[in-house]
C-alpha atoms as a PDB file:
ATOM      1  CA  MET A   1      -0.092  -0.080  -0.064  1.00  0.00           C
ATOM      2  CA  PRO A   2       1.242   3.600  -0.683  1.00  0.00           C
ATOM      3  CA  THR A   3       2.865   5.058   2.310  1.00  0.00           C
ATOM      4  CA  SER A   4       5.146   7.885   1.312  1.00  0.00           C
ATOM      5  CA  ILE A   5       5.268  11.088  -0.795  1.00  0.00           C
ATOM      6  CA  ALA A   6       5.411   8.922  -3.949  1.00  0.00           C
ATOM      7  CA  SER A   7       1.735   8.261  -3.392  1.00  0.00           C
ATOM      8  CA  TYR A   8       1.092  11.772  -4.796  1.00  0.00           C
ATOM      9  CA  ASP A   9       3.145  11.270  -7.970  1.00  0.00           C
ATOM     10  CA  LEU A  10       1.049  11.342 -10.993  1.00  0.00           C
ATOM     11  CA  THR A  11       3.769  10.534 -13.578  1.00  0.00           C
ATOM     12  CA  GLY A  12       2.484   8.676 -16.505  1.00  0.00           C
ATOM     13  CA  ARG A  13      -1.249   9.512 -15.764  1.00  0.00           C
ATOM     14  CA  THR A  14      -3.675  11.733 -17.873  1.00  0.00           C
ATOM     15  CA  ALA A  15      -6.097  14.032 -16.276  1.00  0.00           C
ATOM     16  CA  LEU A  16      -9.024  16.013 -17.711  1.00  0.00           C
ATOM     17  CA  ILE A  17      -9.733  19.427 -15.826  1.00  0.00           C
ATOM     18  CA  THR A  18     -13.051  21.315 -16.751  1.00  0.00           C
ATOM     19  CA  GLY A  19     -13.174  25.007 -15.814  1.00  0.00           C
ATOM     20  CA  ALA A  20      -9.529  25.307 -16.224  1.00  0.00           C
ATOM     21  CA  ALA A  21      -9.276  28.677 -17.659  1.00  0.00           C
ATOM     22  CA  GLY A  22      -9.031  30.319 -14.129  1.00  0.00           C
ATOM     23  CA  GLY A  23      -9.690  30.079 -10.433  1.00  0.00           C
ATOM     24  CA  ILE A  24      -9.720  26.584  -8.890  1.00  0.00           C
ATOM     25  CA  GLY A  25      -9.588  24.819 -12.164  1.00  0.00           C
ATOM     26  CA  ARG A  26      -6.590  26.629 -13.154  1.00  0.00           C
ATOM     27  CA  ALA A  27      -4.768  26.008  -9.914  1.00  0.00           C
ATOM     28  CA  THR A  28      -5.744  22.305 -10.107  1.00  0.00           C
ATOM     29  CA  ALA A  29      -4.424  21.955 -13.811  1.00  0.00           C
ATOM     30  CA  VAL A  30      -1.091  23.462 -12.774  1.00  0.00           C
ATOM     31  CA  LEU A  31      -0.788  21.459  -9.607  1.00  0.00           C
ATOM     32  CA  LEU A  32      -1.511  18.173 -11.171  1.00  0.00           C
ATOM     33  CA  ALA A  33       0.742  18.890 -14.144  1.00  0.00           C
ATOM     34  CA  GLY A  34       3.450  19.693 -11.479  1.00  0.00           C
ATOM     35  CA  ALA A  35       2.803  16.348  -9.952  1.00  0.00           C
ATOM     36  CA  GLY A  36       3.579  14.644 -13.341  1.00  0.00           C
ATOM     37  CA  ALA A  37       0.318  14.201 -14.977  1.00  0.00           C
ATOM     38  CA  ALA A  38      -0.386  15.058 -18.732  1.00  0.00           C
ATOM     39  CA  VAL A  39      -3.237  17.612 -18.304  1.00  0.00           C
ATOM     40  CA  HIS A  40      -6.196  18.067 -20.827  1.00  0.00           C
ATOM     41  CA  CYS A  41      -7.644  21.517 -19.873  1.00  0.00           C
ATOM     42  CA  ALA A  42     -11.244  22.300 -20.992  1.00  0.00           C
ATOM     43  CA  ASP A  43     -13.080  25.584 -20.740  1.00  0.00           C
ATOM     44  CA  ARG A  44     -15.275  27.820 -22.895  1.00  0.00           C
ATOM     45  CA  ASP A  45     -12.952  30.792 -22.047  1.00  0.00           C
ATOM     46  CA  GLU A  46     -10.493  30.504 -24.820  1.00  0.00           C
ATOM     47  CA  ARG A  47      -8.117  33.130 -23.707  1.00  0.00           C
ATOM     48  CA  GLY A  48      -8.003  31.943 -20.057  1.00  0.00           C
ATOM     49  CA  LEU A  49      -7.568  28.359 -21.324  1.00  0.00           C
ATOM     50  CA  ALA A  50      -4.539  29.247 -23.394  1.00  0.00           C
ATOM     51  CA  GLU A  51      -3.077  31.268 -20.387  1.00  0.00           C
ATOM     52  CA  THR A  52      -3.473  27.992 -18.183  1.00  0.00           C
ATOM     53  CA  ALA A  53      -1.820  25.923 -20.763  1.00  0.00           C
ATOM     54  CA  ALA A  54       1.101  28.249 -21.046  1.00  0.00           C
ATOM     55  CA  LEU A  55       1.570  28.244 -17.311  1.00  0.00           C
ATOM     56  CA  ILE A  56       1.895  24.644 -17.266  1.00  0.00           C
ATOM     57  CA  ASP A  57       4.152  24.497 -20.550  1.00  0.00           C
ATOM     58  CA  ASP A  58       6.396  26.974 -18.938  1.00  0.00           C
ATOM     59  CA  LYS A  59       6.831  25.037 -15.836  1.00  0.00           C
ATOM     60  CA  GLY A  60       7.905  21.932 -18.066  1.00  0.00           C
ATOM     61  CA  GLY A  61       4.492  20.278 -17.825  1.00  0.00           C
ATOM     62  CA  ARG A  62       2.346  18.790 -20.429  1.00  0.00           C
ATOM     63  CA  ALA A  63      -0.980  20.687 -21.305  1.00  0.00           C
ATOM     64  CA  VAL A  64      -3.542  20.280 -24.114  1.00  0.00           C
ATOM     65  CA  ALA A  65      -6.334  22.959 -24.443  1.00  0.00           C
ATOM     66  CA  HIS A  66      -9.945  21.910 -25.236  1.00  0.00           C
ATOM     67  CA  PRO A  67     -12.109  24.895 -25.806  1.00  0.00           C
ATOM     68  CA  LEU A  68     -15.592  23.654 -25.046  1.00  0.00           C
ATOM     69  CA  ASP A  69     -18.748  24.150 -23.152  1.00  0.00           C
ATOM     70  CA  VAL A  70     -19.500  21.593 -20.573  1.00  0.00           C
ATOM     71  CA  THR A  71     -23.131  21.464 -21.739  1.00  0.00           C
ATOM     72  CA  ASP A  72     -21.996  20.097 -24.990  1.00  0.00           C
ATOM     73  CA  ARG A  73     -21.808  16.247 -24.467  1.00  0.00           C
ATOM     74  CA  GLY A  74     -20.215  15.692 -27.847  1.00  0.00           C
ATOM     75  CA  ALA A  75     -17.380  18.095 -27.374  1.00  0.00           C
ATOM     76  CA  LEU A  76     -16.830  16.565 -23.902  1.00  0.00           C
ATOM     77  CA  ARG A  77     -16.697  13.057 -25.498  1.00  0.00           C
ATOM     78  CA  ALA A  78     -14.112  14.309 -27.968  1.00  0.00           C
ATOM     79  CA  ALA A  79     -11.924  15.768 -25.319  1.00  0.00           C
ATOM     80  CA  VAL A  80     -12.070  12.495 -23.300  1.00  0.00           C
ATOM     81  CA  ARG A  81     -11.176  10.488 -26.536  1.00  0.00           C
ATOM     82  CA  ALA A  82      -8.338  12.876 -27.245  1.00  0.00           C
ATOM     83  CA  ALA A  83      -6.922  12.368 -23.773  1.00  0.00           C
ATOM     84  CA  GLY A  84      -6.433   8.594 -24.492  1.00  0.00           C
ATOM     85  CA  HIS A  85      -6.113   6.624 -21.480  1.00  0.00           C
ATOM     86  CA  LEU A  86      -7.824   8.738 -19.000  1.00  0.00           C
ATOM     87  CA  ASP A  87      -6.858   8.156 -15.377  1.00  0.00           C
ATOM     88  CA  ILE A  88      -8.193  11.372 -13.630  1.00  0.00           C
ATOM     89  CA  ALA A  89     -11.173  13.736 -14.196  1.00  0.00           C
ATOM     90  CA  ALA A  90     -12.000  16.948 -12.229  1.00  0.00           C
ATOM     91  CA  ALA A  91     -15.333  18.420 -13.031  1.00  0.00           C
ATOM     92  CA  ILE A  92     -14.782  21.931 -11.843  1.00  0.00           C
ATOM     93  CA  ALA A  93     -16.546  24.165 -14.424  1.00  0.00           C
ATOM     94  CA  GLY A  94     -19.479  26.188 -12.803  1.00  0.00           C
ATOM     95  CA  ILE A  95     -20.978  29.457 -12.499  1.00  0.00           C
ATOM     96  CA  MET A  96     -22.664  31.432  -9.635  1.00  0.00           C
ATOM     97  CA  HIS A  97     -26.186  32.924  -9.641  1.00  0.00           C
ATOM     98  CA  THR A  98     -28.027  35.128  -6.989  1.00  0.00           C
ATOM     99  CA  SER A  99     -31.793  35.390  -6.619  1.00  0.00           C
ATOM    100  CA  THR A 100     -34.301  34.843  -3.897  1.00  0.00           C
ATOM    101  CA  VAL A 101     -36.652  31.750  -4.140  1.00  0.00           C
ATOM    102  CA  LEU A 102     -39.662  34.146  -5.063  1.00  0.00           C
ATOM    103  CA  ASP A 103     -37.488  36.055  -7.823  1.00  0.00           C
ATOM    104  CA  THR A 104     -35.885  32.912  -9.355  1.00  0.00           C
ATOM    105  CA  LEU A 105     -36.872  32.619 -13.078  1.00  0.00           C
ATOM    106  CA  ASP A 106     -37.114  29.513 -15.090  1.00  0.00           C
ATOM    107  CA  GLU A 107     -34.209  30.544 -17.298  1.00  0.00           C
ATOM    108  CA  ASP A 108     -32.236  31.294 -14.117  1.00  0.00           C
ATOM    109  CA  LEU A 109     -32.512  27.827 -12.929  1.00  0.00           C
ATOM    110  CA  ASP A 110     -32.172  25.990 -16.306  1.00  0.00           C
ATOM    111  CA  ARG A 111     -28.791  27.818 -16.847  1.00  0.00           C
ATOM    112  CA  VAL A 112     -27.318  27.044 -13.475  1.00  0.00           C
ATOM    113  CA  LEU A 113     -28.584  23.422 -13.596  1.00  0.00           C
ATOM    114  CA  ASP A 114     -27.264  22.978 -17.132  1.00  0.00           C
ATOM    115  CA  ILE A 115     -23.770  24.063 -16.141  1.00  0.00           C
ATOM    116  CA  ASN A 116     -23.377  23.222 -12.682  1.00  0.00           C
ATOM    117  CA  PHE A 117     -25.190  19.814 -12.697  1.00  0.00           C
ATOM    118  CA  LYS A 118     -25.731  18.489 -16.238  1.00  0.00           C
ATOM    119  CA  GLY A 119     -22.197  19.710 -17.233  1.00  0.00           C
ATOM    120  CA  VAL A 120     -20.724  17.605 -14.131  1.00  0.00           C
ATOM    121  CA  LEU A 121     -23.050  14.747 -15.016  1.00  0.00           C
ATOM    122  CA  TYR A 122     -21.707  14.699 -18.665  1.00  0.00           C
ATOM    123  CA  THR A 123     -18.221  14.888 -17.495  1.00  0.00           C
ATOM    124  CA  CYS A 124     -18.718  12.140 -15.106  1.00  0.00           C
ATOM    125  CA  GLN A 125     -20.491   9.743 -17.612  1.00  0.00           C
ATOM    126  CA  GLU A 126     -17.809  10.280 -20.543  1.00  0.00           C
ATOM    127  CA  SER A 127     -14.859  10.086 -18.171  1.00  0.00           C
ATOM    128  CA  ALA A 128     -16.301   6.770 -16.350  1.00  0.00           C
ATOM    129  CA  ARG A 129     -17.023   5.185 -19.670  1.00  0.00           C
ATOM    130  CA  ALA A 130     -13.379   5.776 -20.739  1.00  0.00           C
ATOM    131  CA  MET A 131     -12.032   4.623 -17.485  1.00  0.00           C
ATOM    132  CA  ILE A 132     -13.942   1.346 -17.515  1.00  0.00           C
ATOM    133  CA  GLY A 133     -12.311   0.278 -20.627  1.00  0.00           C
ATOM    134  CA  ASN A 134      -8.759   1.352 -19.355  1.00  0.00           C
ATOM    135  CA  GLY A 135      -8.070  -1.750 -17.165  1.00  0.00           C
ATOM    136  CA  ARG A 136      -6.572   0.321 -14.454  1.00  0.00           C
ATOM    137  CA  PRO A 137      -7.844   2.374 -11.562  1.00  0.00           C
ATOM    138  CA  GLY A 138      -9.383   5.765 -12.210  1.00  0.00           C
ATOM    139  CA  SER A 139     -10.425   8.742 -10.007  1.00  0.00           C
ATOM    140  CA  ILE A 140     -13.314  11.205 -10.716  1.00  0.00           C
ATOM    141  CA  ILE A 141     -13.465  14.501  -8.640  1.00  0.00           C
ATOM    142  CA  THR A 142     -16.552  16.775  -8.557  1.00  0.00           C
ATOM    143  CA  MET A 143     -16.780  20.247  -7.251  1.00  0.00           C
ATOM    144  CA  ALA A 144     -19.621  20.666  -4.625  1.00  0.00           C
ATOM    145  CA  SER A 145     -19.816  23.553  -2.205  1.00  0.00           C
ATOM    146  CA  GLY A 146     -19.983  24.579   1.327  1.00  0.00           C
ATOM    147  CA  ALA A 147     -23.571  25.944   0.321  1.00  0.00           C
ATOM    148  CA  VAL A 148     -25.015  22.451   0.552  1.00  0.00           C
ATOM    149  CA  ASP A 149     -24.150  22.420   4.276  1.00  0.00           C
ATOM    150  CA  ALA A 150     -26.366  25.511   5.315  1.00  0.00           C
ATOM    151  CA  ALA A 151     -29.133  27.441   3.808  1.00  0.00           C
ATOM    152  CA  GLN A 152     -27.997  30.808   2.367  1.00  0.00           C
ATOM    153  CA  PRO A 153     -30.370  33.522   1.238  1.00  0.00           C
ATOM    154  CA  GLY A 154     -30.171  34.109  -2.726  1.00  0.00           C
ATOM    155  CA  LEU A 155     -28.412  30.970  -3.459  1.00  0.00           C
ATOM    156  CA  LEU A 156     -31.310  28.621  -4.294  1.00  0.00           C
ATOM    157  CA  CYS A 157     -30.097  27.730  -7.814  1.00  0.00           C
ATOM    158  CA  TYR A 158     -26.518  27.284  -6.905  1.00  0.00           C
ATOM    159  CA  SER A 159     -27.091  25.304  -3.684  1.00  0.00           C
ATOM    160  CA  ALA A 160     -29.645  23.161  -5.468  1.00  0.00           C
ATOM    161  CA  ALA A 161     -27.283  22.258  -8.236  1.00  0.00           C
ATOM    162  CA  LYS A 162     -24.465  21.493  -5.798  1.00  0.00           C
ATOM    163  CA  ALA A 163     -26.576  19.333  -3.686  1.00  0.00           C
ATOM    164  CA  ALA A 164     -27.348  17.364  -6.856  1.00  0.00           C
ATOM    165  CA  VAL A 165     -23.698  17.016  -7.605  1.00  0.00           C
ATOM    166  CA  VAL A 166     -23.227  15.523  -4.140  1.00  0.00           C
ATOM    167  CA  GLN A 167     -25.830  12.834  -4.800  1.00  0.00           C
ATOM    168  CA  LEU A 168     -24.388  12.143  -8.233  1.00  0.00           C
ATOM    169  CA  THR A 169     -20.948  11.652  -6.566  1.00  0.00           C
ATOM    170  CA  LYS A 170     -22.304   9.242  -4.018  1.00  0.00           C
ATOM    171  CA  THR A 171     -24.264   7.330  -6.488  1.00  0.00           C
ATOM    172  CA  LEU A 172     -21.664   7.085  -9.153  1.00  0.00           C
ATOM    173  CA  ALA A 173     -19.237   5.931  -6.417  1.00  0.00           C
ATOM    174  CA  THR A 174     -21.553   2.886  -5.759  1.00  0.00           C
ATOM    175  CA  GLU A 175     -21.684   2.066  -9.497  1.00  0.00           C
ATOM    176  CA  ALA A 176     -18.055   2.705 -10.492  1.00  0.00           C
ATOM    177  CA  GLY A 177     -16.428   1.149  -7.606  1.00  0.00           C
ATOM    178  CA  PRO A 178     -16.548  -2.344  -8.853  1.00  0.00           C
ATOM    179  CA  HIS A 179     -14.625  -1.093 -12.001  1.00  0.00           C
ATOM    180  CA  GLY A 180     -11.759   0.267  -9.995  1.00  0.00           C
ATOM    181  CA  ILE A 181     -12.934   3.805 -10.215  1.00  0.00           C
ATOM    182  CA  ARG A 182     -13.236   6.165  -7.127  1.00  0.00           C
ATOM    183  CA  VAL A 183     -15.633   9.115  -7.204  1.00  0.00           C
ATOM    184  CA  ASN A 184     -15.267  11.942  -4.549  1.00  0.00           C
ATOM    185  CA  ALA A 185     -16.327  15.536  -4.098  1.00  0.00           C
ATOM    186  CA  VAL A 186     -14.707  18.689  -2.802  1.00  0.00           C
ATOM    187  CA  ALA A 187     -16.874  21.169  -1.123  1.00  0.00           C
ATOM    188  CA  PRO A 188     -14.929  24.434  -0.653  1.00  0.00           C
ATOM    189  CA  GLY A 189     -15.773  27.210   1.694  1.00  0.00           C
ATOM    190  CA  TRP A 190     -15.275  30.875   0.535  1.00  0.00           C
ATOM    191  CA  ILE A 191     -12.417  30.963  -1.988  1.00  0.00           C
ATOM    192  CA  ARG A 192     -10.976  34.005  -3.430  1.00  0.00           C
ATOM    193  CA  THR A 193     -11.642  33.533  -7.105  1.00  0.00           C
ATOM    194  CA  PRO A 194     -12.928  35.574 -10.022  1.00  0.00           C
ATOM    195  CA  MET A 195     -16.410  34.128  -9.462  1.00  0.00           C
ATOM    196  CA  THR A 196     -16.546  35.024  -5.794  1.00  0.00           C
ATOM    197  CA  GLY A 197     -14.816  38.398  -6.757  1.00  0.00           C
ATOM    198  CA  ARG A 198     -17.630  39.677  -9.022  1.00  0.00           C
ATOM    199  CA  HIS A 199     -18.830  42.282  -6.499  1.00  0.00           C
ATOM    200  CA  SER A 200     -17.670  45.731  -5.866  1.00  0.00           C
ATOM    201  CA  PRO A 201     -14.387  46.239  -3.943  1.00  0.00           C
ATOM    202  CA  GLU A 202     -16.402  47.391  -0.920  1.00  0.00           C
ATOM    203  CA  VAL A 203     -18.740  44.407  -0.950  1.00  0.00           C
ATOM    204  CA  GLN A 204     -15.885  42.143  -1.638  1.00  0.00           C
ATOM    205  CA  GLN A 205     -13.901  43.430   1.462  1.00  0.00           C
ATOM    206  CA  GLN A 206     -16.924  43.139   3.698  1.00  0.00           C
ATOM    207  CA  THR A 207     -17.788  39.719   2.625  1.00  0.00           C
ATOM    208  CA  GLU A 208     -14.173  38.564   3.022  1.00  0.00           C
ATOM    209  CA  ALA A 209     -14.075  40.047   6.417  1.00  0.00           C
ATOM    210  CA  ALA A 210     -17.070  38.227   7.452  1.00  0.00           C
ATOM    211  CA  MET A 211     -15.805  35.040   6.298  1.00  0.00           C
ATOM    212  CA  VAL A 212     -12.427  35.590   8.104  1.00  0.00           C
ATOM    213  CA  ARG A 213     -14.419  36.108  11.451  1.00  0.00           C
ATOM    214  CA  MET A 214     -16.328  32.910  10.851  1.00  0.00           C
ATOM    215  CA  SER A 215     -13.159  30.841  10.239  1.00  0.00           C
ATOM    216  CA  PRO A 216     -11.100  29.367  13.220  1.00  0.00           C
ATOM    217  CA  LEU A 217      -8.071  29.837  10.883  1.00  0.00           C
ATOM    218  CA  ARG A 218      -8.832  33.501  10.487  1.00  0.00           C
ATOM    219  CA  ARG A 219      -8.449  33.502   6.704  1.00  0.00           C
ATOM    220  CA  VAL A 220     -10.290  32.971   3.464  1.00  0.00           C
ATOM    221  CA  GLY A 221      -9.266  30.257   1.083  1.00  0.00           C
ATOM    222  CA  GLU A 222      -7.173  30.436  -2.020  1.00  0.00           C
ATOM    223  CA  PRO A 223      -7.703  28.359  -5.198  1.00  0.00           C
ATOM    224  CA  GLU A 224      -4.423  26.517  -4.493  1.00  0.00           C
ATOM    225  CA  ASP A 225      -6.078  25.268  -1.092  1.00  0.00           C
ATOM    226  CA  ILE A 226      -8.726  23.432  -3.142  1.00  0.00           C
ATOM    227  CA  ALA A 227      -6.310  22.230  -5.691  1.00  0.00           C
ATOM    228  CA  GLN A 228      -4.354  20.487  -3.067  1.00  0.00           C
ATOM    229  CA  ALA A 229      -7.563  18.635  -1.946  1.00  0.00           C
ATOM    230  CA  VAL A 230      -8.151  17.618  -5.661  1.00  0.00           C
ATOM    231  CA  LEU A 231      -4.462  16.295  -5.766  1.00  0.00           C
ATOM    232  CA  TYR A 232      -5.187  14.245  -2.872  1.00  0.00           C
ATOM    233  CA  LEU A 233      -8.280  12.733  -4.306  1.00  0.00           C
ATOM    234  CA  ALA A 234      -6.597  12.229  -7.684  1.00  0.00           C
ATOM    235  CA  SER A 235      -3.630  10.384  -6.246  1.00  0.00           C
ATOM    236  CA  ASP A 236      -2.930   7.051  -4.569  1.00  0.00           C
ATOM    237  CA  ALA A 237      -2.835   8.650  -1.280  1.00  0.00           C
ATOM    238  CA  SER A 238      -6.563   8.330  -1.270  1.00  0.00           C
ATOM    239  CA  SER A 239      -6.739   4.901  -2.683  1.00  0.00           C
ATOM    240  CA  PHE A 240      -9.288   3.806   0.035  1.00  0.00           C
ATOM    241  CA  MET A 241     -11.599   6.855  -0.318  1.00  0.00           C
ATOM    242  CA  THR A 242     -14.837   6.843  -2.497  1.00  0.00           C
ATOM    243  CA  GLY A 243     -18.158   8.544  -2.218  1.00  0.00           C
ATOM    244  CA  GLN A 244     -16.831  11.061   0.157  1.00  0.00           C
ATOM    245  CA  ILE A 245     -17.114  14.805   0.406  1.00  0.00           C
ATOM    246  CA  LEU A 246     -13.945  16.777   1.460  1.00  0.00           C
ATOM    247  CA  ARG A 247     -14.541  20.122   3.064  1.00  0.00           C
ATOM    248  CA  PRO A 248     -11.675  22.576   2.820  1.00  0.00           C
ATOM    249  CA  ASN A 249     -13.541  25.563   4.370  1.00  0.00           C
ATOM    250  CA  GLY A 250     -11.213  26.904   7.132  1.00  0.00           C
ATOM    251  CA  GLY A 251     -13.417  25.466   9.711  1.00  0.00           C
ATOM    252  CA  VAL A 252     -16.381  27.772   8.839  1.00  0.00           C
ATOM    253  CA  ALA A 253     -18.735  24.690   8.612  1.00  0.00           C
ATOM    254  CA  MET A 254     -18.164  21.450  10.545  1.00  0.00           C
ATOM    255  CA  PRO A 255     -20.973  18.960   9.594  1.00  0.00           C
ATOM    256  CA  TRP A 256     -20.958  15.489  11.186  1.00  0.00           C
END
């Protein structure tokens, strides 16, 4: 059984990362490439995607860019096929939407569910199918959220989609386990990313200050904090973990 730092070595493995153009997705792609993986980066933001690939290449890593929308199953299937023997898939692409329950429109809910749930579902489906034919263990990591652990005003669409991702993760773990495929989720707390930084500087400062006060560690998270959790789940260090939800959130929430 793996017992050393070598457990985190991804040399010879291939990973697909969605949402790789920035934030958590970019940090994950860079970290996994640094651990030795050949990384296939997927995102609809072509400019950000190219920047991520360049960061990996500049560090001596191996990156392939796939401009695509995760709601396009055919494009995801093509990216998975291009990756060849896929060992790791991290479904990180997602969006944020804010509206009260009473103000939520059909189009709001549909858009968030399409990207934050269906996009993850498609990524999981195409990746799992490819891994089953590999003849070697695989790891799928989904991105949930701390929002599933506590009701937050204005986050109906986002929280509902992330709760669905949690159930998808657990269900797929039971179905894919016999094929040697592990499926786990990461549920971040407040992370300083372009998605959480969409407010005015004043609102952003107030929000982060509130998060700092709530955290026993007295800080907010960075994308690299979440990337480390993904690396753990992608590597042999977590070979006995499946169907689990990791919560790197600074201690803001401590569910049973």
